[in-house]
Amino acid sequence: MNLNKRQKIIITTILLTLGLLSTQLVDFNLRFRFIAGLGVVAYFLSLWALWEGLNKTKAIILMILPTFFTVAVASFYFLLPVRWLTRLPVALSFGLTFYLLLLSQNVFNVASIRTIPLYRAASTAAFLFTLLSAFFIYNVVYAFNLLFFWNGLLVALISFPLILQVLWSIEMGEKITASILVQAAILSLVIGELALAFSFWPMVTTIWSLSLSSAMYVLLGLTTNVLRGRVNSRVVWEYLGIGVVVLIISFFTTSWTG
């Protein structure tokens, strides 16, 4: 079949949306295997859709967000009420957002070769999808009621590839440099430590994941602005202000009396 890239992206989106809808038919005991399998399918379908122009580095980095976003939504999808009235709109929203996600990844694929005007919009979209993926997965992690050190470890491990692909998208080099790996590791460690600390805070699940994804927003936003040479006092105070607001909301929405 002689399909162009947009047609491949549409086909990939439709197949993954159908895969998400099919979770209604999966036995509860098989859900983790199904989510893992759906993540693998998302990786290879996205790789097929964006194949033209990919090198080894981009074949890894550009597939992180589509894979994690699919796993994040699928994991959260199992927590929804088992009725089509709730799950069908979520699946349709996933299809639309995943289509936009692949378009933004395709912009990075092309922008690494030549300058195109859509790069800034793609960067903003990818940053938003990264935060959404983190929020959904953090939500699922906290829902398991694990011990505090497991929360910290899992959040750090989940955060690392998400942060890595954002940092790489700034310069889009042929290889992943040691500095990018170190920066991603440090930011992931900080977020993991926050997850560990917040595990002792009697937050509800949504506020816990919101606090961590907001921390990622602040840390990653400041880091990317520094790397792009756009940081100034106004930018710093804007990010810190959002972090403080979320912290205040978390404090007042927490039931300290149990």
Protein backbone atom coordinates (compact mmCIF):
# COMPACT_ATOMS: atom_id res chain seq x y z
CA MET A 1 0.00 0.00 0.00
CA ASN A 2 1.42 3.35 -1.07
CA LEU A 3 0.33 5.46 1.90
CA ASN A 4 1.62 8.91 2.73
CA LYS A 5 2.63 9.90 6.24
CA ARG A 6 -0.67 11.58 7.15
CA GLN A 7 -2.64 8.50 6.10
CA LYS A 8 -0.38 6.33 8.23
CA ILE A 9 -0.91 8.65 11.20
CA ILE A 10 -4.70 8.45 10.76
CA ILE A 11 -4.62 4.64 10.51
CA THR A 12 -2.40 4.40 13.60
CA THR A 13 -4.75 6.67 15.53
CA ILE A 14 -7.83 4.66 14.57
CA LEU A 15 -6.24 1.32 15.46
CA LEU A 16 -5.06 2.53 18.87
CA THR A 17 -8.43 4.11 19.62
CA LEU A 18 -10.09 0.78 18.84
CA GLY A 19 -7.51 -0.90 21.06
CA LEU A 20 -8.39 1.47 23.89
CA LEU A 21 -12.11 0.77 23.43
CA SER A 22 -11.46 -2.97 23.49
CA THR A 23 -10.30 -2.71 27.11
CA GLN A 24 -14.00 -2.96 27.96
CA LEU A 25 -13.84 -6.57 26.77
CA VAL A 26 -10.63 -7.55 28.58
CA ASP A 27 -10.76 -9.61 31.76
CA PHE A 28 -9.77 -7.61 34.84
CA ASN A 29 -6.93 -10.04 35.65
CA LEU A 30 -5.37 -9.48 32.22
CA ARG A 31 -5.43 -5.70 32.27
CA PHE A 32 -1.73 -5.18 32.98
CA ARG A 33 -0.69 -7.49 30.16
CA PHE A 34 -3.16 -5.77 27.87
CA ILE A 35 -1.85 -2.30 28.75
CA ALA A 36 1.74 -3.44 28.20
CA GLY A 37 0.76 -4.99 24.88
CA LEU A 38 -1.07 -1.83 23.84
CA GLY A 39 2.04 0.18 24.66
CA VAL A 40 4.17 -2.08 22.46
CA VAL A 41 1.62 -1.78 19.65
CA ALA A 42 1.63 2.02 20.05
CA TYR A 43 5.42 2.06 19.73
CA PHE A 44 5.57 0.02 16.53
CA LEU A 45 2.56 1.68 14.89
CA SER A 46 4.02 5.12 15.66
CA LEU A 47 7.37 3.95 14.31
CA TRP A 48 5.67 2.81 11.12
CA ALA A 49 3.73 6.08 10.77
CA LEU A 50 6.83 8.28 11.24
CA TRP A 51 9.37 5.96 9.61
CA GLU A 52 10.43 8.32 6.84
CA GLY A 53 13.40 10.39 7.99
CA LEU A 54 14.01 8.55 11.26
CA ASN A 55 17.46 7.62 12.52
CA LYS A 56 18.31 5.38 15.49
CA THR A 57 18.08 8.18 18.03
CA LYS A 58 14.76 9.51 16.78
CA ALA A 59 13.38 5.96 16.51
CA ILE A 60 13.79 5.80 20.30
CA ILE A 61 13.21 9.36 21.49
CA LEU A 62 10.24 10.29 19.28
CA MET A 63 8.42 7.07 20.22
CA ILE A 64 8.62 7.70 23.97
CA LEU A 65 5.72 10.13 24.14
CA PRO A 66 3.27 8.18 21.92
CA THR A 67 4.01 5.00 23.88
CA PHE A 68 3.76 6.59 27.32
CA PHE A 69 0.67 8.59 26.42
CA THR A 70 -1.08 5.41 25.23
CA VAL A 71 -0.09 3.49 28.36
CA ALA A 72 -1.08 6.44 30.57
CA VAL A 73 -4.56 6.82 29.08
CA ALA A 74 -5.11 3.04 28.97
CA SER A 75 -4.10 2.71 32.64
CA PHE A 76 -6.41 5.55 33.64
CA TYR A 77 -9.13 4.12 31.38
CA PHE A 78 -9.46 1.04 33.60
CA LEU A 79 -10.26 3.28 36.57
CA LEU A 80 -13.30 4.79 34.83
CA PRO A 81 -16.84 3.50 35.46
CA VAL A 82 -17.64 0.48 33.29
CA ARG A 83 -20.17 2.14 31.00
CA TRP A 84 -19.95 3.35 27.42
CA LEU A 85 -21.43 6.74 28.27
CA THR A 86 -18.23 7.55 30.16
CA ARG A 87 -15.61 5.62 28.22
CA LEU A 88 -16.67 6.38 24.64
CA PRO A 89 -16.07 10.17 24.92
CA VAL A 90 -12.71 9.49 26.58
CA ALA A 91 -11.71 7.14 23.75
CA LEU A 92 -12.73 9.69 21.13
CA SER A 93 -10.77 12.39 22.95
CA PHE A 94 -7.78 10.06 23.03
CA GLY A 95 -8.04 9.54 19.27
CA LEU A 96 -8.03 13.26 18.58
CA THR A 97 -5.19 14.05 20.97
CA PHE A 98 -3.09 11.10 19.78
CA TYR A 99 -3.46 12.30 16.20
CA LEU A 100 -2.20 15.74 17.25
CA LEU A 101 0.59 14.08 19.22
CA LEU A 102 1.88 12.18 16.20
CA LEU A 103 1.72 15.36 14.13
CA SER A 104 3.88 17.15 16.69
CA GLN A 105 6.37 14.26 16.74
CA ASN A 106 6.49 14.39 12.96
CA VAL A 107 7.39 18.08 13.18
CA PHE A 108 10.38 17.17 15.38
CA ASN A 109 11.32 14.48 12.89
CA VAL A 110 11.41 17.02 10.07
CA ALA A 111 12.74 19.96 12.13
CA SER A 112 15.86 18.00 13.05
CA ILE A 113 16.75 18.02 9.34
CA ARG A 114 15.60 21.49 8.29
CA THR A 115 14.03 24.52 9.95
CA ILE A 116 10.23 24.65 9.81
CA PRO A 117 7.85 27.24 11.32
CA LEU A 118 5.75 24.67 13.24
CA TYR A 119 8.55 23.72 15.64
CA ARG A 120 7.46 26.08 18.41
CA ALA A 121 3.84 24.88 18.29
CA ALA A 122 5.02 21.26 18.29
CA SER A 123 7.23 21.95 21.33
CA THR A 124 4.30 23.40 23.24
CA ALA A 125 2.05 20.47 22.28
CA ALA A 126 4.68 17.88 23.21
CA PHE A 127 5.25 19.60 26.56
CA LEU A 128 1.51 19.49 27.27
CA PHE A 129 1.25 15.82 26.30
CA THR A 130 4.22 15.05 28.53
CA LEU A 131 2.48 16.61 31.52
CA LEU A 132 -0.78 14.80 30.73
CA SER A 133 1.02 11.47 30.46
CA ALA A 134 2.79 12.09 33.76
CA PHE A 135 -0.46 13.09 35.48
CA PHE A 136 -2.33 9.96 34.38
CA ILE A 137 0.50 7.56 35.24
CA TYR A 138 1.19 9.21 38.62
CA ASN A 139 -2.53 8.87 39.31
CA VAL A 140 -2.38 5.13 38.67
CA VAL A 141 0.81 4.68 40.75
CA TYR A 142 -0.77 6.34 43.79
CA ALA A 143 -3.99 4.36 43.35
CA PHE A 144 -2.05 1.17 44.15
CA ASN A 145 -1.39 2.39 47.73
CA LEU A 146 2.25 1.30 47.62
CA LEU A 147 4.86 1.97 50.27
CA PHE A 148 6.45 5.41 50.09
CA PHE A 149 9.80 4.24 48.67
CA TRP A 150 8.05 2.39 45.83
CA ASN A 151 6.13 5.57 44.99
CA GLY A 152 9.39 7.51 44.81
CA LEU A 153 11.18 4.87 42.74
CA LEU A 154 8.35 4.35 40.24
CA VAL A 155 7.76 8.08 39.77
CA ALA A 156 11.48 8.66 39.16
CA LEU A 157 11.67 5.82 36.62
CA ILE A 158 8.52 7.01 34.83
CA SER A 159 9.66 10.64 34.80
CA PHE A 160 13.11 9.94 33.30
CA PRO A 161 12.11 9.04 29.69
CA LEU A 162 9.39 11.71 29.64
CA ILE A 163 11.87 14.38 30.68
CA LEU A 164 14.57 12.98 28.40
CA GLN A 165 12.51 13.39 25.23
CA VAL A 166 11.61 16.99 26.12
CA LEU A 167 15.25 17.94 26.74
CA TRP A 168 16.37 16.24 23.52
CA SER A 169 13.78 18.18 21.50
CA ILE A 170 15.55 21.47 22.28
CA GLU A 171 18.57 20.77 20.06
CA MET A 172 17.52 17.45 18.42
CA GLY A 173 21.05 16.12 18.06
CA GLU A 174 22.04 13.00 16.19
CA LYS A 175 22.85 11.35 19.52
CA ILE A 176 21.67 11.70 23.09
CA THR A 177 24.46 13.58 24.86
CA ALA A 178 25.72 12.82 28.36
CA SER A 179 24.59 16.26 29.57
CA ILE A 180 20.99 15.54 28.55
CA LEU A 181 21.09 12.19 30.33
CA VAL A 182 22.47 13.77 33.50
CA GLN A 183 19.93 16.61 33.45
CA ALA A 184 17.05 14.17 32.90
CA ALA A 185 18.34 11.95 35.72
CA ILE A 186 18.61 14.87 38.17
CA LEU A 187 15.12 16.20 37.41
CA SER A 188 13.66 12.69 37.63
CA LEU A 189 15.37 12.15 40.98
CA VAL A 190 13.94 15.41 42.35
CA ILE A 191 10.41 14.48 41.25
CA GLY A 192 10.87 10.99 42.70
CA GLU A 193 11.94 12.52 46.02
CA LEU A 194 8.86 14.75 45.97
CA ALA A 195 6.70 11.66 45.35
CA LEU A 196 8.34 10.00 48.33
CA ALA A 197 7.69 13.06 50.52
CA PHE A 198 4.12 13.51 49.30
CA SER A 199 3.42 9.87 50.19
CA PHE A 200 3.38 10.99 53.84
CA TRP A 201 0.92 13.77 52.99
CA PRO A 202 -2.72 12.57 53.24
CA MET A 203 -3.68 13.78 49.76
CA VAL A 204 -6.39 12.35 47.58
CA THR A 205 -5.11 10.61 44.44
CA THR A 206 -5.92 13.42 42.01
CA ILE A 207 -4.22 16.10 44.10
CA TRP A 208 -1.15 13.88 44.58
CA SER A 209 -0.68 13.37 40.86
CA LEU A 210 -1.51 17.02 40.16
CA SER A 211 1.16 18.15 42.62
CA LEU A 212 3.81 15.95 41.01
CA SER A 213 2.91 16.88 37.43
CA SER A 214 2.96 20.55 38.49
CA ALA A 215 6.43 20.01 39.93
CA MET A 216 7.47 18.53 36.59
CA TYR A 217 5.98 21.57 34.85
CA VAL A 218 7.99 23.97 37.00
CA LEU A 219 11.29 22.07 36.90
CA LEU A 220 11.12 21.14 33.23
CA GLY A 221 9.82 24.56 32.20
CA LEU A 222 12.64 26.38 33.97
CA THR A 223 15.25 23.96 32.63
CA THR A 224 14.12 24.26 29.01
CA ASN A 225 14.04 28.04 29.24
CA VAL A 226 17.58 28.06 30.64
CA LEU A 227 18.80 25.77 27.86
CA ARG A 228 17.14 27.98 25.23
CA GLY A 229 18.64 31.13 26.77
CA ARG A 230 15.22 32.65 27.47
CA VAL A 231 15.26 32.68 31.25
CA ASN A 232 14.76 35.95 33.13
CA SER A 233 13.27 37.00 36.45
CA ARG A 234 9.74 37.23 35.01
CA VAL A 235 9.87 33.66 33.67
CA VAL A 236 11.24 32.34 36.97
CA TRP A 237 8.54 34.03 39.02
CA GLU A 238 5.81 32.82 36.66
CA TYR A 239 6.83 29.19 37.06
CA LEU A 240 7.45 29.48 40.79
CA GLY A 241 4.11 31.26 41.20
CA ILE A 242 2.27 28.36 39.59
CA GLY A 243 4.13 25.93 41.83
CA VAL A 244 3.17 27.90 44.95
CA VAL A 245 -0.49 28.11 43.88
CA VAL A 246 -0.67 24.33 43.37
CA LEU A 247 1.03 23.78 46.74
CA ILE A 248 -1.52 26.01 48.46
CA ILE A 249 -4.40 24.20 46.74
CA SER A 250 -2.92 20.87 47.82
CA PHE A 251 -2.66 22.09 51.41
CA PHE A 252 -6.25 23.31 51.67
CA THR A 253 -7.77 20.32 49.86
CA THR A 254 -6.08 17.84 52.20
CA SER A 255 -8.05 16.36 55.07
CA TRP A 256 -5.64 16.67 57.98
CA THR A 257 -8.09 15.15 60.46
CA GLY A 258 -8.56 11.91 58.47
